[in-house]
């Protein structure tokens, strides 16, 4: 008698556990869930790219300082000598000005994260 009650309880518990697992997996595969997960991954990739760009810029500035020191292009007070003026760069077709690196965009989803 107790053996039958034990196996009935074990079977019921296994059925509840399996049903719960299947329902979680089905909810995770809904279009809304997949879209939210893809959006989160895109935001995370944007953050990684931004960090990489900042690291590259810092490395470029450090290397530029090293090259200026090696070539004797630093002023007497240790600051970099002023660079020659860059020639005027024309804008884009249609009279639109060129955007410089590091500008923010009004449609940037990551600007407040």
N, C-alpha and C. Protein backbone atom coordinates (compact mmCIF):
# COMPACT_ATOMS: atom_id res chain seq x y z
N UNK A 1 0.81 -1.19 0.00
CA UNK A 1 0.00 0.00 0.00
C UNK A 1 0.86 1.26 0.00
N UNK A 2 1.85 1.31 0.92
CA UNK A 2 2.71 2.49 0.99
C UNK A 2 3.57 2.63 -0.27
N UNK A 3 3.93 1.52 -0.81
CA UNK A 3 4.73 1.54 -2.04
C UNK A 3 3.93 2.19 -3.17
N UNK A 4 2.69 1.88 -3.31
CA UNK A 4 1.84 2.47 -4.35
C UNK A 4 1.65 3.96 -4.11
N UNK A 5 1.45 4.37 -2.88
CA UNK A 5 1.28 5.79 -2.55
C UNK A 5 2.57 6.55 -2.87
N UNK A 6 3.72 5.94 -2.53
CA UNK A 6 5.01 6.59 -2.83
C UNK A 6 5.17 6.80 -4.33
N UNK A 7 4.93 5.78 -5.13
CA UNK A 7 5.13 5.91 -6.57
C UNK A 7 4.09 6.83 -7.20
N UNK A 8 2.90 6.86 -6.66
CA UNK A 8 1.90 7.80 -7.15
C UNK A 8 2.35 9.23 -6.88
N UNK A 9 2.87 9.50 -5.68
CA UNK A 9 3.37 10.84 -5.33
C UNK A 9 4.58 11.22 -6.17
N UNK A 10 5.48 10.26 -6.39
CA UNK A 10 6.67 10.54 -7.20
C UNK A 10 6.26 10.85 -8.65
N UNK A 11 5.30 10.11 -9.17
CA UNK A 11 4.83 10.36 -10.54
C UNK A 11 4.15 11.71 -10.66
N UNK A 12 3.36 12.08 -9.66
CA UNK A 12 2.68 13.38 -9.67
C UNK A 12 3.71 14.51 -9.59
N UNK A 13 4.72 14.36 -8.74
CA UNK A 13 5.76 15.38 -8.62
C UNK A 13 6.54 15.51 -9.93
N UNK A 14 6.85 14.39 -10.55
CA UNK A 14 7.58 14.43 -11.83
C UNK A 14 6.73 15.09 -12.90
N UNK A 15 5.44 14.83 -12.89
CA UNK A 15 4.55 15.46 -13.87
C UNK A 15 4.47 16.96 -13.69
N UNK A 16 4.39 17.43 -12.46
CA UNK A 16 4.35 18.87 -12.18
C UNK A 16 5.67 19.51 -12.60
N UNK A 17 6.77 18.86 -12.26
CA UNK A 17 8.09 19.40 -12.62
C UNK A 17 8.24 19.50 -14.14
N UNK A 18 7.87 18.46 -14.87
CA UNK A 18 8.00 18.46 -16.33
C UNK A 18 7.09 19.50 -16.96
N UNK A 19 5.87 19.63 -16.45
CA UNK A 19 4.94 20.63 -16.98
C UNK A 19 5.49 22.04 -16.77
N UNK A 20 6.04 22.29 -15.61
CA UNK A 20 6.63 23.61 -15.32
C UNK A 20 7.78 23.91 -16.26
N UNK A 21 8.66 22.92 -16.46
CA UNK A 21 9.81 23.12 -17.36
C UNK A 21 9.35 23.41 -18.79
N UNK A 22 8.39 22.67 -19.27
CA UNK A 22 7.90 22.85 -20.65
C UNK A 22 7.25 24.22 -20.80
N UNK A 23 6.46 24.64 -19.82
CA UNK A 23 5.81 25.95 -19.90
C UNK A 23 6.84 27.08 -19.88
N UNK A 24 7.88 26.97 -19.08
CA UNK A 24 8.94 28.00 -19.06
C UNK A 24 9.63 28.09 -20.43
N UNK A 25 9.93 26.94 -21.00
CA UNK A 25 10.61 26.92 -22.30
C UNK A 25 9.71 27.52 -23.38
N UNK A 26 8.42 27.20 -23.34
CA UNK A 26 7.49 27.76 -24.33
C UNK A 26 7.37 29.27 -24.18
N UNK A 27 7.35 29.76 -22.93
CA UNK A 27 7.29 31.22 -22.73
C UNK A 27 8.57 31.90 -23.21
N UNK A 28 9.70 31.22 -23.05
CA UNK A 28 10.97 31.81 -23.49
C UNK A 28 11.07 31.87 -25.01
N UNK A 29 10.29 31.08 -25.71
CA UNK A 29 10.38 31.04 -27.16
C UNK A 29 9.27 31.82 -27.85
N UNK A 30 8.52 32.62 -27.11
CA UNK A 30 7.50 33.46 -27.75
C UNK A 30 8.19 34.58 -28.52
N UNK A 31 7.55 35.12 -29.55
CA UNK A 31 8.17 36.20 -30.32
C UNK A 31 8.53 37.42 -29.47
N UNK A 32 7.69 37.76 -28.49
CA UNK A 32 7.99 38.92 -27.65
C UNK A 32 9.24 38.68 -26.82
N UNK A 33 9.37 37.48 -26.27
CA UNK A 33 10.54 37.15 -25.46
C UNK A 33 11.81 37.14 -26.32
N UNK A 34 11.72 36.57 -27.50
CA UNK A 34 12.88 36.54 -28.39
C UNK A 34 13.28 37.95 -28.82
N UNK A 35 12.31 38.80 -29.09
CA UNK A 35 12.61 40.17 -29.49
C UNK A 35 13.25 40.94 -28.34
N UNK A 36 12.75 40.75 -27.14
CA UNK A 36 13.34 41.44 -25.98
C UNK A 36 14.76 40.97 -25.74
N UNK A 37 15.00 39.67 -25.90
CA UNK A 37 16.36 39.15 -25.69
C UNK A 37 17.30 39.67 -26.78
N UNK A 38 16.83 39.75 -28.01
CA UNK A 38 17.67 40.28 -29.10
C UNK A 38 17.98 41.76 -28.85
N UNK A 39 16.99 42.52 -28.38
CA UNK A 39 17.23 43.93 -28.10
C UNK A 39 18.25 44.10 -26.98
N UNK A 40 18.14 43.28 -25.95
CA UNK A 40 19.12 43.34 -24.86
C UNK A 40 20.53 43.02 -25.35
N UNK A 41 20.64 42.02 -26.22
CA UNK A 41 21.94 41.67 -26.77
C UNK A 41 22.51 42.80 -27.64
N UNK A 42 21.65 43.47 -28.39
CA UNK A 42 22.10 44.58 -29.23
C UNK A 42 22.60 45.74 -28.37
N UNK A 43 21.88 46.02 -27.28
CA UNK A 43 22.31 47.09 -26.37
C UNK A 43 23.65 46.73 -25.74
N UNK A 44 23.80 45.48 -25.32
CA UNK A 44 25.06 45.05 -24.72
C UNK A 44 26.20 45.15 -25.73
N UNK A 45 25.95 44.77 -26.98
CA UNK A 45 26.98 44.88 -28.01
C UNK A 45 27.35 46.35 -28.25
N UNK A 46 26.37 47.23 -28.21
CA UNK A 46 26.65 48.66 -28.35
C UNK A 46 27.53 49.18 -27.23
N UNK A 47 27.27 48.73 -26.01
CA UNK A 47 28.11 49.14 -24.88
C UNK A 47 29.54 48.63 -25.05
N UNK A 48 29.67 47.38 -25.50
CA UNK A 48 31.02 46.84 -25.70
C UNK A 48 31.76 47.60 -26.80
N UNK A 49 31.04 47.96 -27.86
CA UNK A 49 31.68 48.72 -28.95
C UNK A 49 32.09 50.10 -28.47
N UNK A 50 31.26 50.74 -27.66
CA UNK A 50 31.60 52.06 -27.13
C UNK A 50 32.84 51.99 -26.25
N UNK A 51 32.90 50.98 -25.37
CA UNK A 51 34.07 50.80 -24.52
C UNK A 51 35.33 50.56 -25.36
N UNK A 52 35.20 49.75 -26.41
CA UNK A 52 36.33 49.49 -27.29
C UNK A 52 36.80 50.79 -27.96
N UNK A 53 35.86 51.60 -28.44
CA UNK A 53 36.22 52.86 -29.09
C UNK A 53 36.92 53.79 -28.11
N UNK A 54 36.46 53.83 -26.86
CA UNK A 54 37.12 54.68 -25.86
C UNK A 54 38.53 54.18 -25.57
N UNK A 55 38.70 52.86 -25.49
CA UNK A 55 40.03 52.31 -25.27
C UNK A 55 40.96 52.63 -26.44
N UNK A 56 40.44 52.53 -27.66
CA UNK A 56 41.26 52.84 -28.84
C UNK A 56 41.67 54.31 -28.83
N UNK A 57 40.73 55.20 -28.51
CA UNK A 57 41.05 56.63 -28.47
C UNK A 57 42.09 56.94 -27.41
N UNK A 58 41.96 56.30 -26.24
CA UNK A 58 42.95 56.52 -25.18
C UNK A 58 44.33 56.03 -25.62
N UNK A 59 44.37 54.86 -26.27
CA UNK A 59 45.64 54.34 -26.78
C UNK A 59 46.23 55.24 -27.86
N UNK A 60 45.36 55.78 -28.71
CA UNK A 60 45.84 56.68 -29.76
C UNK A 60 46.44 57.95 -29.15
N UNK A 61 45.78 58.50 -28.14
CA UNK A 61 46.29 59.72 -27.51
C UNK A 61 47.61 59.45 -26.82
N UNK A 62 47.71 58.30 -26.15
CA UNK A 62 48.97 57.95 -25.49
C UNK A 62 50.08 57.78 -26.51
N UNK A 63 49.81 57.07 -27.58
CA UNK A 63 50.83 56.84 -28.61
C UNK A 63 51.20 58.14 -29.30
N UNK A 64 50.23 59.03 -29.52
CA UNK A 64 50.53 60.32 -30.13
C UNK A 64 51.48 61.12 -29.25
N UNK A 65 51.24 61.07 -27.94
CA UNK A 65 52.15 61.76 -27.01
C UNK A 65 53.55 61.18 -27.07
N UNK A 66 53.63 59.86 -27.13
CA UNK A 66 54.95 59.21 -27.22
C UNK A 66 55.66 59.61 -28.51
N UNK A 67 54.93 59.63 -29.61
CA UNK A 67 55.55 60.01 -30.89
C UNK A 67 55.96 61.48 -30.89
N UNK A 68 55.12 62.35 -30.30
CA UNK A 68 55.48 63.76 -30.23
C UNK A 68 56.75 63.94 -29.42
N UNK A 69 56.88 63.22 -28.30
CA UNK A 69 58.10 63.30 -27.50
C UNK A 69 59.31 62.79 -28.28
N UNK A 70 59.13 61.67 -28.97
CA UNK A 70 60.24 61.08 -29.71
C UNK A 70 60.68 61.96 -30.87
N UNK A 71 59.75 62.68 -31.48
CA UNK A 71 60.09 63.54 -32.62
C UNK A 71 60.41 64.97 -32.21
N UNK A 72 60.32 65.24 -30.92
CA UNK A 72 60.63 66.59 -30.45
C UNK A 72 59.56 67.60 -30.82
N UNK A 73 58.33 67.20 -30.88
CA UNK A 73 57.25 68.10 -31.26
C UNK A 73 56.52 68.68 -30.06
N UNK A 74 57.06 68.50 -28.87
CA UNK A 74 56.41 69.06 -27.68
C UNK A 74 56.99 70.43 -27.40
N UNK A 75 56.17 71.30 -26.81
CA UNK A 75 56.60 72.64 -26.46
C UNK A 75 57.50 72.56 -25.22
N UNK A 76 58.11 73.68 -24.85
CA UNK A 76 59.03 73.71 -23.72
C UNK A 76 58.33 73.38 -22.40
N UNK A 77 57.05 73.69 -22.29
CA UNK A 77 56.34 73.43 -21.03
C UNK A 77 55.77 72.02 -20.97
N UNK A 78 56.07 71.17 -21.93
CA UNK A 78 55.62 69.79 -21.92
C UNK A 78 54.32 69.55 -22.66
N UNK A 79 53.67 70.60 -23.12
CA UNK A 79 52.44 70.41 -23.86
C UNK A 79 52.78 70.23 -25.34
N UNK A 80 51.87 69.66 -26.05
CA UNK A 80 52.09 69.44 -27.48
C UNK A 80 52.06 70.77 -28.22
N UNK A 81 52.94 70.89 -29.18
CA UNK A 81 52.96 72.09 -30.00
C UNK A 81 51.70 72.12 -30.85
N UNK A 82 51.20 73.31 -31.15
CA UNK A 82 49.98 73.36 -31.95
C UNK A 82 50.20 72.74 -33.33
N UNK A 83 49.24 71.99 -33.75
CA UNK A 83 49.30 71.33 -35.05
C UNK A 83 48.98 72.34 -36.14
N UNK A 84 49.52 72.13 -37.32
CA UNK A 84 49.17 73.04 -38.42
C UNK A 84 47.68 72.95 -38.71
N UNK A 85 47.15 74.04 -39.20
CA UNK A 85 45.72 74.10 -39.48
C UNK A 85 45.37 73.08 -40.56
N UNK A 86 44.27 72.38 -40.34
CA UNK A 86 43.81 71.40 -41.31
C UNK A 86 43.09 72.12 -42.45
N UNK A 87 43.25 71.64 -43.65
CA UNK A 87 42.55 72.29 -44.75
C UNK A 87 41.04 72.12 -44.57
N UNK A 88 40.31 73.06 -45.13
CA UNK A 88 38.85 72.97 -45.05
C UNK A 88 38.38 71.70 -45.73
N UNK A 89 37.49 71.02 -45.04
CA UNK A 89 36.92 69.81 -45.63
C UNK A 89 35.52 70.16 -46.09
N UNK A 90 35.22 69.86 -47.32
CA UNK A 90 33.86 70.17 -47.78
C UNK A 90 32.85 69.27 -47.08
N UNK A 91 31.65 69.76 -47.02
CA UNK A 91 30.57 68.98 -46.41
C UNK A 91 30.12 67.87 -47.32
N UNK A 92 29.11 67.19 -46.90
CA UNK A 92 28.55 66.11 -47.69
C UNK A 92 27.69 66.68 -48.81
N UNK A 93 27.35 65.86 -49.80
CA UNK A 93 26.47 66.35 -50.86
C UNK A 93 25.15 66.85 -50.28
N UNK A 94 24.64 67.88 -50.86
CA UNK A 94 23.39 68.45 -50.37
C UNK A 94 23.61 69.54 -49.34
N UNK A 95 24.87 69.92 -49.10
CA UNK A 95 25.16 70.99 -48.16
C UNK A 95 25.14 70.56 -46.71
N UNK A 96 25.02 69.24 -46.43
CA UNK A 96 25.01 68.79 -45.04
C UNK A 96 26.44 68.80 -44.50
N UNK A 97 26.64 69.26 -43.26
CA UNK A 97 27.99 69.24 -42.70
C UNK A 97 28.38 67.82 -42.30
N UNK A 98 29.68 67.57 -42.25
CA UNK A 98 30.16 66.27 -41.80
C UNK A 98 30.02 66.19 -40.29
N UNK A 99 29.71 65.00 -39.79
CA UNK A 99 29.65 64.79 -38.35
C UNK A 99 31.02 64.35 -37.87
N UNK A 100 31.45 64.86 -36.76
CA UNK A 100 32.72 64.46 -36.18
C UNK A 100 32.49 63.26 -35.27
N UNK A 101 33.56 62.50 -35.01
CA UNK A 101 33.46 61.35 -34.12
C UNK A 101 33.13 61.83 -32.71
N UNK A 102 32.39 61.04 -31.99
CA UNK A 102 32.08 61.35 -30.61
C UNK A 102 30.83 62.18 -30.43
N UNK A 103 30.14 62.52 -31.50
CA UNK A 103 28.92 63.29 -31.33
C UNK A 103 27.79 62.34 -30.95
N UNK A 104 26.81 62.87 -30.27
CA UNK A 104 25.67 62.04 -29.89
C UNK A 104 24.56 62.23 -30.91
N UNK A 105 23.69 61.29 -30.94
CA UNK A 105 22.60 61.31 -31.87
C UNK A 105 21.30 61.38 -31.10
N UNK A 106 20.30 62.07 -31.60
CA UNK A 106 19.03 62.13 -30.88
C UNK A 106 18.32 60.78 -30.84
N UNK A 107 18.70 59.87 -31.73
CA UNK A 107 18.06 58.57 -31.76
C UNK A 107 18.92 57.49 -31.11
N UNK A 108 19.93 57.88 -30.36
CA UNK A 108 20.83 56.93 -29.71
C UNK A 108 20.12 56.30 -28.52
N UNK A 109 19.85 55.00 -28.60
CA UNK A 109 19.13 54.33 -27.52
C UNK A 109 19.99 54.19 -26.27
N UNK A 110 21.30 54.28 -26.39
CA UNK A 110 22.18 54.01 -25.26
C UNK A 110 22.66 55.27 -24.56
N UNK A 111 22.11 56.41 -24.90
CA UNK A 111 22.68 57.65 -24.37
C UNK A 111 22.50 57.80 -22.88
N UNK A 112 21.49 57.17 -22.27
CA UNK A 112 21.31 57.36 -20.85
C UNK A 112 21.61 56.09 -20.06
N UNK A 113 22.37 55.19 -20.62
CA UNK A 113 22.73 53.95 -19.89
C UNK A 113 24.15 54.01 -19.48
